PDB file of N, CA and C in Angstrom:
ATOM      1  N   UNK A   1      87.740 168.738 106.651  1.00  0.00           N
ATOM      2  CA  UNK A   1      87.176 167.810 107.142  1.00  0.00           C
ATOM      3  C   UNK A   1      87.892 166.065 106.295  1.00  0.00           C
ATOM      4  N   UNK A   2      88.722 165.609 106.751  1.00  0.00           N
ATOM      5  CA  UNK A   2      89.218 164.606 105.874  1.00  0.00           C
ATOM      6  C   UNK A   2      88.035 163.101 105.593  1.00  0.00           C
ATOM      7  N   UNK A   3      88.169 162.418 104.693  1.00  0.00           N
ATOM      8  CA  UNK A   3      86.908 161.524 104.272  1.00  0.00           C
ATOM      9  C   UNK A   3      87.674 160.420 104.736  1.00  0.00           C
ATOM     10  N   UNK A   4      86.827 159.725 104.952  1.00  0.00           N
ATOM     11  CA  UNK A   4      87.506 158.235 105.846  1.00  0.00           C
ATOM     12  C   UNK A   4      86.802 156.960 104.799  1.00  0.00           C
ATOM     13  N   UNK A   5      87.121 155.855 104.915  1.00  0.00           N
ATOM     14  CA  UNK A   5      86.517 154.827 104.074  1.00  0.00           C
ATOM     15  C   UNK A   5      86.102 153.883 105.631  1.00  0.00           C
ATOM     16  N   UNK A   6      85.064 153.263 105.297  1.00  0.00           N
ATOM     17  CA  UNK A   6      84.634 152.014 106.322  1.00  0.00           C
ATOM     18  C   UNK A   6      85.436 150.609 106.178  1.00  0.00           C
ATOM     19  N   UNK A   7      86.113 150.061 106.962  1.00  0.00           N
ATOM     20  CA  UNK A   7      86.717 148.925 106.467  1.00  0.00           C
ATOM     21  C   UNK A   7      86.019 148.047 105.232  1.00  0.00           C
ATOM     22  N   UNK A   8      86.834 147.325 104.854  1.00  0.00           N
ATOM     23  CA  UNK A   8      86.309 146.703 103.659  1.00  0.00           C
ATOM     24  C   UNK A   8      85.658 147.401 102.298  1.00  0.00           C
ATOM     25  N   UNK A   9      85.583 148.681 102.091  1.00  0.00           N
ATOM     26  CA  UNK A   9      84.868 148.975 101.030  1.00  0.00           C
ATOM     27  C   UNK A   9      85.975 149.586 100.348  1.00  0.00           C
ATOM     28  N   UNK A  10      85.588 150.187  99.073  1.00  0.00           N
ATOM     29  CA  UNK A  10      86.575 151.344  98.336  1.00  0.00           C
ATOM     30  C   UNK A  10      86.280 152.326  97.710  1.00  0.00           C
ATOM     31  N   UNK A  11      87.214 152.979  97.340  1.00  0.00           N
ATOM     32  CA  UNK A  11      86.639 154.321  96.976  1.00  0.00           C
ATOM     33  C   UNK A  11      86.205 154.211  95.521  1.00  0.00           C
ATOM     34  N   UNK A  12      84.999 154.939  94.947  1.00  0.00           N
ATOM     35  CA  UNK A  12      84.393 154.563  93.867  1.00  0.00           C
ATOM     36  C   UNK A  12      84.493 156.022  92.986  1.00  0.00           C
ATOM     37  N   UNK A  13      85.198 156.265  91.810  1.00  0.00           N
ATOM     38  CA  UNK A  13      84.468 157.790  91.609  1.00  0.00           C
ATOM     39  C   UNK A  13      83.264 157.968  91.071  1.00  0.00           C
ATOM     40  N   UNK A  14      83.110 159.173  91.122  1.00  0.00           N
ATOM     41  CA  UNK A  14      81.456 159.636  90.540  1.00  0.00           C
ATOM     42  C   UNK A  14      81.718 159.326  89.082  1.00  0.00           C
ATOM     43  N   UNK A  15      80.576 159.159  88.854  1.00  0.00           N
ATOM     44  CA  UNK A  15      80.590 159.113  87.104  1.00  0.00           C
ATOM     45  C   UNK A  15      80.574 160.575  86.459  1.00  0.00           C
ATOM     46  N   UNK A  16      81.853 160.634  85.309  1.00  0.00           N
ATOM     47  CA  UNK A  16      82.099 161.758  84.739  1.00  0.00           C
ATOM     48  C   UNK A  16      80.420 162.080  84.075  1.00  0.00           C
ATOM     49  N   UNK A  17      80.277 163.384  83.937  1.00  0.00           N
ATOM     50  CA  UNK A  17      79.293 163.855  83.238  1.00  0.00           C
ATOM     51  C   UNK A  17      79.649 164.115  82.191  1.00  0.00           C
ATOM     52  N   UNK A  18      79.059 163.721  80.775  1.00  0.00           N
ATOM     53  CA  UNK A  18      78.982 163.695  79.860  1.00  0.00           C
ATOM     54  C   UNK A  18      78.789 164.972  79.044  1.00  0.00           C
ATOM     55  N   UNK A  19      79.428 165.925  78.375  1.00  0.00           N
ATOM     56  CA  UNK A  19      78.944 167.167  77.722  1.00  0.00           C
ATOM     57  C   UNK A  19      78.152 167.069  76.974  1.00  0.00           C
ATOM     58  N   UNK A  20      77.063 167.775  76.900  1.00  0.00           N
ATOM     59  CA  UNK A  20      75.873 167.125  75.368  1.00  0.00           C
ATOM     60  C   UNK A  20      76.483 167.797  74.197  1.00  0.00           C
ATOM     61  N   UNK A  21      76.311 167.076  73.081  1.00  0.00           N
ATOM     62  CA  UNK A  21      77.216 167.115  71.913  1.00  0.00           C
ATOM     63  C   UNK A  21      76.202 168.466  71.620  1.00  0.00           C
ATOM     64  N   UNK A  22      76.978 169.379  70.345  1.00  0.00           N
ATOM     65  CA  UNK A  22      76.097 170.662  70.072  1.00  0.00           C
ATOM     66  C   UNK A  22      75.015 170.528  69.251  1.00  0.00           C
ATOM     67  N   UNK A  23      74.295 171.201  68.913  1.00  0.00           N
ATOM     68  CA  UNK A  23      73.048 171.256  67.748  1.00  0.00           C
ATOM     69  C   UNK A  23      74.073 170.835  66.285  1.00  0.00           C
ATOM     70  N   UNK A  24      75.114 171.783  65.977  1.00  0.00           N
ATOM     71  CA  UNK A  24      75.926 171.641  64.784  1.00  0.00           C
ATOM     72  C   UNK A  24      76.380 169.977  64.625  1.00  0.00           C
ATOM     73  N   UNK A  25      77.200 169.528  65.903  1.00  0.00           N
ATOM     74  CA  UNK A  25      77.413 168.004  66.068  1.00  0.00           C
ATOM     75  C   UNK A  25      76.390 166.806  65.836  1.00  0.00           C
ATOM     76  N   UNK A  26      75.240 167.002  66.548  1.00  0.00           N
ATOM     77  CA  UNK A  26      73.874 166.315  65.928  1.00  0.00           C
ATOM     78  C   UNK A  26      73.740 166.411  64.821  1.00  0.00           C
ATOM     79  N   UNK A  27      73.756 167.508  63.950  1.00  0.00           N
ATOM     80  CA  UNK A  27      73.389 167.708  62.739  1.00  0.00           C
ATOM     81  C   UNK A  27      74.562 166.952  61.657  1.00  0.00           C
ATOM     82  N   UNK A  28      75.756 167.115  62.092  1.00  0.00           N
ATOM     83  CA  UNK A  28      76.509 166.224  61.427  1.00  0.00           C
ATOM     84  C   UNK A  28      76.423 164.800  61.761  1.00  0.00           C
ATOM     85  N   UNK A  29      75.907 164.354  62.202  1.00  0.00           N
ATOM     86  CA  UNK A  29      75.537 163.068  62.491  1.00  0.00           C
ATOM     87  C   UNK A  29      74.389 162.365  62.166  1.00  0.00           C
ATOM     88  N   UNK A  30      73.321 163.254  61.701  1.00  0.00           N
ATOM     89  CA  UNK A  30      71.983 162.779  61.716  1.00  0.00           C
ATOM     90  C   UNK A  30      71.938 161.754  60.499  1.00  0.00           C
ATOM     91  N   UNK A  31      72.353 162.235  59.101  1.00  0.00           N
ATOM     92  CA  UNK A  31      72.576 161.534  57.981  1.00  0.00           C
ATOM     93  C   UNK A  31      72.675 160.044  58.488  1.00  0.00           C
ATOM     94  N   UNK A  32      74.139 159.671  59.335  1.00  0.00           N
ATOM     95  CA  UNK A  32      74.579 158.441  59.923  1.00  0.00           C
ATOM     96  C   UNK A  32      73.379 157.739  60.441  1.00  0.00           C
ATOM     97  N   UNK A  33      73.031 158.751  61.844  1.00  0.00           N
ATOM     98  CA  UNK A  33      72.074 157.784  62.965  1.00  0.00           C
ATOM     99  C   UNK A  33      70.784 157.514  61.920  1.00  0.00           C
ATOM    100  N   UNK A  34      70.415 157.928  60.728  1.00  0.00           N
ATOM    101  CA  UNK A  34      69.031 157.521  59.983  1.00  0.00           C
ATOM    102  C   UNK A  34      69.937 156.482  59.589  1.00  0.00           C
ATOM    103  N   UNK A  35      70.747 156.244  58.718  1.00  0.00           N
ATOM    104  CA  UNK A  35      70.994 155.449  57.938  1.00  0.00           C
ATOM    105  C   UNK A  35      71.325 154.136  58.669  1.00  0.00           C
ATOM    106  N   UNK A  36      72.162 154.132  59.766  1.00  0.00           N
ATOM    107  CA  UNK A  36      72.196 153.029  60.650  1.00  0.00           C
ATOM    108  C   UNK A  36      70.933 152.415  61.312  1.00  0.00           C
ATOM    109  N   UNK A  37      70.312 153.448  62.350  1.00  0.00           N
ATOM    110  CA  UNK A  37      69.460 153.233  62.892  1.00  0.00           C
ATOM    111  C   UNK A  37      68.025 152.666  62.409  1.00  0.00           C
ATOM    112  N   UNK A  38      68.034 153.269  61.283  1.00  0.00           N
ATOM    113  CA  UNK A  38      66.430 153.069  60.465  1.00  0.00           C
ATOM    114  C   UNK A  38      66.565 152.538  59.563  1.00  0.00           C
ATOM    115  N   UNK A  39      67.373 152.751  58.384  1.00  0.00           N
ATOM    116  CA  UNK A  39      67.631 152.092  56.997  1.00  0.00           C
ATOM    117  C   UNK A  39      68.197 150.835  57.328  1.00  0.00           C
ATOM    118  N   UNK A  40      69.359 150.630  58.036  1.00  0.00           N
ATOM    119  CA  UNK A  40      70.122 149.246  58.461  1.00  0.00           C
ATOM    120  C   UNK A  40      69.649 148.480  59.626  1.00  0.00           C
ATOM    121  N   UNK A  41      68.469 149.315  60.268  1.00  0.00           N
ATOM    122  CA  UNK A  41      67.638 148.599  61.441  1.00  0.00           C
ATOM    123  C   UNK A  41      68.542 147.951  62.377  1.00  0.00           C
ATOM    124  N   UNK A  42      69.573 148.816  62.718  1.00  0.00           N
ATOM    125  CA  UNK A  42      70.846 148.526  64.153  1.00  0.00           C
ATOM    126  C   UNK A  42      69.889 148.947  65.184  1.00  0.00           C
ATOM    127  N   UNK A  43      70.494 148.262  66.332  1.00  0.00           N
ATOM    128  CA  UNK A  43      70.323 148.247  67.406  1.00  0.00           C
ATOM    129  C   UNK A  43      70.729 150.151  67.801  1.00  0.00           C
ATOM    130  N   UNK A  44      70.327 150.890  69.105  1.00  0.00           N
ATOM    131  CA  UNK A  44      71.003 151.863  69.285  1.00  0.00           C
ATOM    132  C   UNK A  44      72.301 151.977  69.711  1.00  0.00           C
ATOM    133  N   UNK A  45      72.504 150.793  70.441  1.00  0.00           N
ATOM    134  CA  UNK A  45      73.657 150.753  70.895  1.00  0.00           C
ATOM    135  C   UNK A  45      74.717 150.228  69.942  1.00  0.00           C
ATOM    136  N   UNK A  46      74.412 149.583  69.130  1.00  0.00           N
ATOM    137  CA  UNK A  46      75.371 149.388  67.904  1.00  0.00           C
ATOM    138  C   UNK A  46      75.789 151.061  67.199  1.00  0.00           C
ATOM    139  N   UNK A  47      74.507 151.603  67.052  1.00  0.00           N
ATOM    140  CA  UNK A  47      74.522 153.167  66.211  1.00  0.00           C
ATOM    141  C   UNK A  47      75.335 153.824  67.498  1.00  0.00           C
ATOM    142  N   UNK A  48      75.664 154.027  68.758  1.00  0.00           N
ATOM    143  CA  UNK A  48      76.512 154.734  69.382  1.00  0.00           C
ATOM    144  C   UNK A  48      78.039 154.057  69.397  1.00  0.00           C
ATOM    145  N   UNK A  49      77.991 152.616  69.512  1.00  0.00           N
ATOM    146  CA  UNK A  49      79.224 152.364  69.244  1.00  0.00           C
ATOM    147  C   UNK A  49      79.970 152.713  68.131  1.00  0.00           C
ATOM    148  N   UNK A  50      79.611 152.888  66.838  1.00  0.00           N
ATOM    149  CA  UNK A  50      79.711 153.021  65.640  1.00  0.00           C
ATOM    150  C   UNK A  50      79.770 154.371  65.847  1.00  0.00           C
ATOM    151  N   UNK A  51      79.744 155.268  66.270  1.00  0.00           N
ATOM    152  CA  UNK A  51      79.719 156.619  65.726  1.00  0.00           C
ATOM    153  C   UNK A  51      80.559 157.361  66.958  1.00  0.00           C
ATOM    154  N   UNK A  52      81.224 156.922  68.286  1.00  0.00           N
ATOM    155  CA  UNK A  52      81.889 156.861  68.628  1.00  0.00           C
ATOM    156  C   UNK A  52      83.182 156.272  68.280  1.00  0.00           C
ATOM    157  N   UNK A  53      83.190 155.328  67.543  1.00  0.00           N
ATOM    158  CA  UNK A  53      84.698 154.609  66.977  1.00  0.00           C
ATOM    159  C   UNK A  53      85.046 155.496  65.957  1.00  0.00           C
ATOM    160  N   UNK A  54      84.075 155.544  64.753  1.00  0.00           N
ATOM    161  CA  UNK A  54      84.387 155.961  63.609  1.00  0.00           C
ATOM    162  C   UNK A  54      84.265 157.738  63.470  1.00  0.00           C
ATOM    163  N   UNK A  55      83.775 158.224  64.674  1.00  0.00           N
ATOM    164  CA  UNK A  55      83.331 159.804  64.012  1.00  0.00           C
ATOM    165  C   UNK A  55      83.874 160.250  65.376  1.00  0.00           C
ATOM    166  N   UNK A  56      84.181 159.671  66.884  1.00  0.00           N
ATOM    167  CA  UNK A  56      84.382 160.345  67.946  1.00  0.00           C
ATOM    168  C   UNK A  56      83.192 160.967  68.759  1.00  0.00           C
ATOM    169  N   UNK A  57      81.488 160.956  68.329  1.00  0.00           N
ATOM    170  CA  UNK A  57      80.592 161.374  68.577  1.00  0.00           C
ATOM    171  C   UNK A  57      80.376 160.646  70.028  1.00  0.00           C
ATOM    172  N   UNK A  58      80.266 161.162  70.873  1.00  0.00           N
ATOM    173  CA  UNK A  58      80.349 160.930  72.438  1.00  0.00           C
ATOM    174  C   UNK A  58      78.938 161.153  72.975  1.00  0.00           C
ATOM    175  N   UNK A  59      77.894 160.696  73.463  1.00  0.00           N
ATOM    176  CA  UNK A  59      76.798 160.985  74.125  1.00  0.00           C
ATOM    177  C   UNK A  59      76.129 160.022  74.475  1.00  0.00           C
ATOM    178  N   UNK A  60      75.370 160.110  75.732  1.00  0.00           N
ATOM    179  CA  UNK A  60      74.681 159.698  76.426  1.00  0.00           C
ATOM    180  C   UNK A  60      73.016 158.549  75.607  1.00  0.00           C
ATOM    181  N   UNK A  61      72.817 157.475  76.231  1.00  0.00           N
ATOM    182  CA  UNK A  61      71.870 157.011  75.654  1.00  0.00           C
ATOM    183  C   UNK A  61      70.878 157.925  75.240  1.00  0.00           C
ATOM    184  N   UNK A  62      70.832 158.387  76.281  1.00  0.00           N
ATOM    185  CA  UNK A  62      69.113 159.268  76.913  1.00  0.00           C
ATOM    186  C   UNK A  62      69.069 160.412  75.658  1.00  0.00           C
ATOM    187  N   UNK A  63      70.643 161.116  75.529  1.00  0.00           N
ATOM    188  CA  UNK A  63      70.489 162.159  74.517  1.00  0.00           C
ATOM    189  C   UNK A  63      70.277 162.008  73.234  1.00  0.00           C
ATOM    190  N   UNK A  64      70.534 160.360  72.850  1.00  0.00           N
ATOM    191  CA  UNK A  64      70.535 160.014  71.174  1.00  0.00           C
ATOM    192  C   UNK A  64      69.139 159.865  71.433  1.00  0.00           C
ATOM    193  N   UNK A  65      68.465 159.198  72.647  1.00  0.00           N
ATOM    194  CA  UNK A  65      66.835 159.021  72.556  1.00  0.00           C
ATOM    195  C   UNK A  65      66.106 159.987  72.156  1.00  0.00           C
ATOM    196  N   UNK A  66      66.200 161.272  73.156  1.00  0.00           N
ATOM    197  CA  UNK A  66      65.707 162.362  72.638  1.00  0.00           C
ATOM    198  C   UNK A  66      65.907 162.838  71.092  1.00  0.00           C
ATOM    199  N   UNK A  67      67.210 162.871  70.551  1.00  0.00           N
ATOM    200  CA  UNK A  67      67.461 163.206  69.230  1.00  0.00           C
ATOM    201  C   UNK A  67      66.621 162.343  68.331  1.00  0.00           C
ATOM    202  N   UNK A  68      66.373 161.259  68.610  1.00  0.00           N
ATOM    203  CA  UNK A  68      65.836 160.509  67.555  1.00  0.00           C
ATOM    204  C   UNK A  68      64.379 160.386  68.189  1.00  0.00           C
ATOM    205  N   UNK A  69      63.714 160.820  68.926  1.00  0.00           N
ATOM    206  CA  UNK A  69      62.696 161.428  68.938  1.00  0.00           C
ATOM    207  C   UNK A  69      61.941 162.489  68.377  1.00  0.00           C
ATOM    208  N   UNK A  70      62.912 163.534  68.670  1.00  0.00           N
ATOM    209  CA  UNK A  70      62.765 164.972  67.923  1.00  0.00           C
ATOM    210  C   UNK A  70      62.788 164.934  66.728  1.00  0.00           C
ATOM    211  N   UNK A  71      63.597 163.770  66.213  1.00  0.00           N
ATOM    212  CA  UNK A  71      63.618 163.675  64.531  1.00  0.00           C
ATOM    213  C   UNK A  71      62.655 162.842  64.053  1.00  0.00           C
ATOM    214  N   UNK A  72      61.964 162.095  64.755  1.00  0.00           N
ATOM    215  CA  UNK A  72      60.833 160.839  64.702  1.00  0.00           C
ATOM    216  C   UNK A  72      61.432 159.991  63.774  1.00  0.00           C
ATOM    217  N   UNK A  73      62.547 159.683  63.908  1.00  0.00           N
ATOM    218  CA  UNK A  73      63.519 158.628  63.715  1.00  0.00           C
ATOM    219  C   UNK A  73      62.945 157.122  64.549  1.00  0.00           C
ATOM    220  N   UNK A  74      62.342 157.474  65.491  1.00  0.00           N
ATOM    221  CA  UNK A  74      62.197 156.156  66.639  1.00  0.00           C
ATOM    222  C   UNK A  74      61.210 155.146  65.720  1.00  0.00           C
ATOM    223  N   UNK A  75      61.598 153.866  65.984  1.00  0.00           N
ATOM    224  CA  UNK A  75      61.083 152.696  65.324  1.00  0.00           C
ATOM    225  C   UNK A  75      59.691 152.014  65.592  1.00  0.00           C
ATOM    226  N   UNK A  76      59.506 152.511  66.925  1.00  0.00           N
ATOM    227  CA  UNK A  76      57.985 152.137  67.258  1.00  0.00           C
ATOM    228  C   UNK A  76      56.891 153.119  66.987  1.00  0.00           C
ATOM    229  N   UNK A  77      55.790 152.592  66.651  1.00  0.00           N
ATOM    230  CA  UNK A  77      54.771 153.456  65.868  1.00  0.00           C
ATOM    231  C   UNK A  77      53.816 153.900  67.278  1.00  0.00           C
ATOM    232  N   UNK A  78      53.282 155.106  66.951  1.00  0.00           N
ATOM    233  CA  UNK A  78      52.304 155.511  67.987  1.00  0.00           C
ATOM    234  C   UNK A  78      51.083 154.862  67.943  1.00  0.00           C
ATOM    235  N   UNK A  79      50.353 155.241  69.391  1.00  0.00           N
ATOM    236  CA  UNK A  79      48.808 154.538  69.259  1.00  0.00           C
ATOM    237  C   UNK A  79      47.741 155.517  68.505  1.00  0.00           C
ATOM    238  N   UNK A  80      48.065 157.016  67.539  1.00  0.00           N
ATOM    239  CA  UNK A  80      47.721 157.610  66.969  1.00  0.00           C
ATOM    240  C   UNK A  80      47.943 157.138  65.345  1.00  0.00           C
ATOM    241  N   UNK A  81      49.018 156.984  65.570  1.00  0.00           N
ATOM    242  CA  UNK A  81      49.385 155.784  63.977  1.00  0.00           C
ATOM    243  C   UNK A  81      48.615 154.662  63.853  1.00  0.00           C
ATOM    244  N   UNK A  82      49.044 153.761  64.881  1.00  0.00           N
ATOM    245  CA  UNK A  82      48.001 152.750  65.091  1.00  0.00           C
ATOM    246  C   UNK A  82      46.637 152.793  64.581  1.00  0.00           C
ATOM    247  N   UNK A  83      45.713 153.530  65.376  1.00  0.00           N
ATOM    248  CA  UNK A  83      44.369 153.890  65.003  1.00  0.00           C
ATOM    249  C   UNK A  83      44.291 154.523  63.350  1.00  0.00           C
ATOM    250  N   UNK A  84      45.128 155.206  63.193  1.00  0.00           N
ATOM    251  CA  UNK A  84      44.674 155.933  61.464  1.00  0.00           C
ATOM    252  C   UNK A  84      45.147 154.380  60.580  1.00  0.00           C
ATOM    253  N   UNK A  85      46.124 153.775  61.127  1.00  0.00           N
ATOM    254  CA  UNK A  85      46.270 152.794  59.888  1.00  0.00           C
ATOM    255  C   UNK A  85      44.970 151.664  59.872  1.00  0.00           C
ATOM    256  N   UNK A  86      44.509 151.726  61.275  1.00  0.00           N
ATOM    257  CA  UNK A  86      43.075 150.673  61.372  1.00  0.00           C
ATOM    258  C   UNK A  86      41.721 151.703  60.735  1.00  0.00           C
ATOM    259  N   UNK A  87      41.850 152.825  60.945  1.00  0.00           N
ATOM    260  CA  UNK A  87      40.373 153.388  60.359  1.00  0.00           C
ATOM    261  C   UNK A  87      40.876 153.274  58.968  1.00  0.00           C
ATOM    262  N   UNK A  88      41.940 153.276  58.613  1.00  0.00           N
ATOM    263  CA  UNK A  88      42.118 153.375  56.788  1.00  0.00           C
ATOM    264  C   UNK A  88      41.675 152.256  56.188  1.00  0.00           C
ATOM    265  N   UNK A  89      42.242 150.888  57.160  1.00  0.00           N
ATOM    266  CA  UNK A  89      42.025 149.737  56.644  1.00  0.00           C
ATOM    267  C   UNK A  89      40.654 149.571  56.482  1.00  0.00           C
ATOM    268  N   UNK A  90      39.778 149.707  57.600  1.00  0.00           N
ATOM    269  CA  UNK A  90      38.155 149.565  57.522  1.00  0.00           C
ATOM    270  C   UNK A  90      37.783 150.702  56.365  1.00  0.00           C
ATOM    271  N   UNK A  91      38.186 151.589  56.180  1.00  0.00           N
ATOM    272  CA  UNK A  91      37.388 152.783  55.328  1.00  0.00           C
ATOM    273  C   UNK A  91      37.549 151.355  53.390  1.00  0.00           C
ATOM    274  N   UNK A  92      39.195 151.259  53.647  1.00  0.00           N
ATOM    275  CA  UNK A  92      39.240 150.461  52.289  1.00  0.00           C
ATOM    276  C   UNK A  92      38.559 149.217  52.160  1.00  0.00           C
ATOM    277  N   UNK A  93      38.350 148.416  53.124  1.00  0.00           N
ATOM    278  CA  UNK A  93      37.756 146.991  53.286  1.00  0.00           C
ATOM    279  C   UNK A  93      36.346 147.809  52.562  1.00  0.00           C
ATOM    280  N   UNK A  94      35.770 148.584  53.500  1.00  0.00           N
ATOM    281  CA  UNK A  94      34.207 148.658  53.130  1.00  0.00           C
ATOM    282  C   UNK A  94      34.159 149.315  50.929  1.00  0.00           C
ATOM    283  N   UNK A  95      35.247 149.622  50.748  1.00  0.00           N
ATOM    284  CA  UNK A  95      35.241 149.827  49.193  1.00  0.00           C
ATOM    285  C   UNK A  95      35.879 148.559  48.288  1.00  0.00           C
ATOM    286  N   UNK A  96      36.153 147.748  49.386  1.00  0.00           N
ATOM    287  CA  UNK A  96      36.792 146.698  48.595  1.00  0.00           C
ATOM    288  C   UNK A  96      37.722 146.595  47.810  1.00  0.00           C
ATOM    289  N   UNK A  97      38.657 147.416  48.370  1.00  0.00           N
ATOM    290  CA  UNK A  97      40.191 147.849  47.864  1.00  0.00           C
ATOM    291  C   UNK A  97      41.463 147.167  49.336  1.00  0.00           C
ATOM    292  N   UNK A  98      42.220 146.698  48.072  1.00  0.00           N
ATOM    293  CA  UNK A  98      43.453 146.068  49.177  1.00  0.00           C
ATOM    294  C   UNK A  98      44.148 147.527  49.484  1.00  0.00           C
ATOM    295  N   UNK A  99      45.015 147.192  50.677  1.00  0.00           N
ATOM    296  CA  UNK A  99      46.040 148.168  50.888  1.00  0.00           C
ATOM    297  C   UNK A  99      47.095 147.660  51.418  1.00  0.00           C
ATOM    298  N   UNK A 100      48.054 148.746  51.048  1.00  0.00           N
ATOM    299  CA  UNK A 100      49.793 148.176  51.863  1.00  0.00           C
ATOM    300  C   UNK A 100      49.658 149.955  52.884  1.00  0.00           C
ATOM    301  N   UNK A 101      50.409 149.922  53.865  1.00  0.00           N
ATOM    302  CA  UNK A 101      50.504 150.962  54.592  1.00  0.00           C
ATOM    303  C   UNK A 101      51.578 151.047  55.063  1.00  0.00           C
ATOM    304  N   UNK A 102      52.047 152.425  55.179  1.00  0.00           N
ATOM    305  CA  UNK A 102      53.568 152.859  55.602  1.00  0.00           C
ATOM    306  C   UNK A 102      53.142 153.907  56.777  1.00  0.00           C
ATOM    307  N   UNK A 103      54.169 153.988  58.170  1.00  0.00           N
ATOM    308  CA  UNK A 103      54.103 154.814  58.766  1.00  0.00           C
ATOM    309  C   UNK A 103      55.317 155.102  59.011  1.00  0.00           C
ATOM    310  N   UNK A 104      55.695 156.434  58.735  1.00  0.00           N
ATOM    311  CA  UNK A 104      57.191 157.205  58.401  1.00  0.00           C
ATOM    312  C   UNK A 104      57.560 156.677  57.707  1.00  0.00           C
ATOM    313  N   UNK A 105      57.475 156.112  56.520  1.00  0.00           N
ATOM    314  CA  UNK A 105      57.659 155.332  55.144  1.00  0.00           C
ATOM    315  C   UNK A 105      58.422 154.115  55.532  1.00  0.00           C
ATOM    316  N   UNK A 106      57.808 153.516  56.630  1.00  0.00           N
ATOM    317  CA  UNK A 106      58.385 151.780  56.792  1.00  0.00           C
ATOM    318  C   UNK A 106      56.826 151.322  56.819  1.00  0.00           C
ATOM    319  N   UNK A 107      57.106 150.129  55.803  1.00  0.00           N
ATOM    320  CA  UNK A 107      55.824 149.064  55.804  1.00  0.00           C
ATOM    321  C   UNK A 107      55.185 148.919  57.102  1.00  0.00           C
ATOM    322  N   UNK A 108      53.977 148.543  57.118  1.00  0.00           N
ATOM    323  CA  UNK A 108      53.292 148.234  58.446  1.00  0.00           C
ATOM    324  C   UNK A 108      51.828 147.448  58.065  1.00  0.00           C
ATOM    325  N   UNK A 109      51.995 146.174  58.429  1.00  0.00           N
ATOM    326  CA  UNK A 109      50.902 145.290  58.127  1.00  0.00           C
ATOM    327  C   UNK A 109      49.702 145.663  58.944  1.00  0.00           C
ATOM    328  N   UNK A 110      48.389 144.955  58.960  1.00  0.00           N
ATOM    329  CA  UNK A 110      47.185 145.087  59.621  1.00  0.00           C
ATOM    330  C   UNK A 110      47.757 144.039  61.079  1.00  0.00           C
ATOM    331  N   UNK A 111      48.335 142.905  60.805  1.00  0.00           N
ATOM    332  CA  UNK A 111      48.479 142.035  62.000  1.00  0.00           C
ATOM    333  C   UNK A 111      49.755 142.580  62.999  1.00  0.00           C
ATOM    334  N   UNK A 112      50.122 143.767  62.372  1.00  0.00           N
ATOM    335  CA  UNK A 112      51.246 144.601  63.081  1.00  0.00           C
ATOM    336  C   UNK A 112      50.338 145.441  64.265  1.00  0.00           C
ATOM    337  N   UNK A 113      49.172 145.764  63.618  1.00  0.00           N
ATOM    338  CA  UNK A 113      48.494 146.623  64.296  1.00  0.00           C
ATOM    339  C   UNK A 113      48.094 146.251  65.287  1.00  0.00           C
ATOM    340  N   UNK A 114      47.304 144.760  64.440  1.00  0.00           N
ATOM    341  CA  UNK A 114      46.297 144.457  65.692  1.00  0.00           C
ATOM    342  C   UNK A 114      47.494 143.810  66.806  1.00  0.00           C
ATOM    343  N   UNK A 115      48.208 143.532  66.867  1.00  0.00           N
ATOM    344  CA  UNK A 115      49.341 143.322  67.486  1.00  0.00           C
ATOM    345  C   UNK A 115      49.598 144.345  68.907  1.00  0.00           C
ATOM    346  N   UNK A 116      49.923 145.458  68.045  1.00  0.00           N
ATOM    347  CA  UNK A 116      49.880 146.551  69.025  1.00  0.00           C
ATOM    348  C   UNK A 116      48.977 146.938  69.834  1.00  0.00           C
ATOM    349  N   UNK A 117      47.806 146.587  69.957  1.00  0.00           N
ATOM    350  CA  UNK A 117      46.558 147.201  70.580  1.00  0.00           C
ATOM    351  C   UNK A 117      46.433 145.924  71.356  1.00  0.00           C
ATOM    352  N   UNK A 118      46.859 144.490  70.927  1.00  0.00           N
ATOM    353  CA  UNK A 118      46.504 143.515  71.796  1.00  0.00           C
ATOM    354  C   UNK A 118      47.368 143.383  73.138  1.00  0.00           C
ATOM    355  N   UNK A 119      48.875 143.895  72.559  1.00  0.00           N
ATOM    356  CA  UNK A 119      49.937 144.328  74.309  1.00  0.00           C
ATOM    357  C   UNK A 119      49.505 145.197  74.778  1.00  0.00           C
ATOM    358  N   UNK A 120      48.881 146.405  74.553  1.00  0.00           N
ATOM    359  CA  UNK A 120      48.621 147.368  75.516  1.00  0.00           C
ATOM    360  C   UNK A 120      46.793 147.095  75.744  1.00  0.00           C
ATOM    361  N   UNK A 121      46.660 145.987  75.379  1.00  0.00           N
ATOM    362  CA  UNK A 121      45.241 145.621  76.276  1.00  0.00           C
ATOM    363  C   UNK A 121      43.957 146.275  75.877  1.00  0.00           C
ATOM    364  N   UNK A 122      44.248 146.683  74.591  1.00  0.00           N
ATOM    365  CA  UNK A 122      42.883 147.592  74.032  1.00  0.00           C
ATOM    366  C   UNK A 122      42.069 146.376  73.021  1.00  0.00           C
ATOM    367  N   UNK A 123      41.060 146.642  73.899  1.00  0.00           N
ATOM    368  CA  UNK A 123      39.917 145.362  73.301  1.00  0.00           C
ATOM    369  C   UNK A 123      39.345 145.951  71.677  1.00  0.00           C
ATOM    370  N   UNK A 124      38.753 146.789  71.664  1.00  0.00           N
ATOM    371  CA  UNK A 124      38.195 147.137  70.592  1.00  0.00           C
ATOM    372  C   UNK A 124      38.726 148.466  69.891  1.00  0.00           C
ATOM    373  N   UNK A 125      40.171 148.341  69.392  1.00  0.00           N
ATOM    374  CA  UNK A 125      40.837 149.597  68.898  1.00  0.00           C
ATOM    375  C   UNK A 125      39.771 150.345  67.834  1.00  0.00           C
ATOM    376  N   UNK A 126      38.325 149.531  66.948  1.00  0.00           N
ATOM    377  CA  UNK A 126      38.164 149.787  65.726  1.00  0.00           C
ATOM    378  C   UNK A 126      36.971 151.098  66.492  1.00  0.00           C
ATOM    379  N   UNK A 127      36.587 150.974  67.609  1.00  0.00           N
ATOM    380  CA  UNK A 127      35.627 151.696  68.610  1.00  0.00           C
ATOM    381  C   UNK A 127      36.549 153.068  68.484  1.00  0.00           C
TER     382      UNK A 127
END
């Protein structure tokens, strides 16, 4: 059967499926992703562009996000981590001690933790 176009429309090519990089390819670029995304605090788009341009590593944004989450390199902390920081802050305050908190190696202020709960509409996270 022959396909026909409706007058006034044009054919659009179907998106090409991007082959998923192999595990060894991901492991090869893992240190670069950590350096660019975590250490240099670049956006995921910047990381993707750099890896395609300089290393020929092509993957979808979804594939990058899956690997970043798998390697625990994501930039946002989770509710359990925020609650742990808050719980530890309360314990340290009760002892009259100052504290500096880190989540996955990055410094976190108590103000950031409180803002995290406020954004999510959690009224009394201390409970």
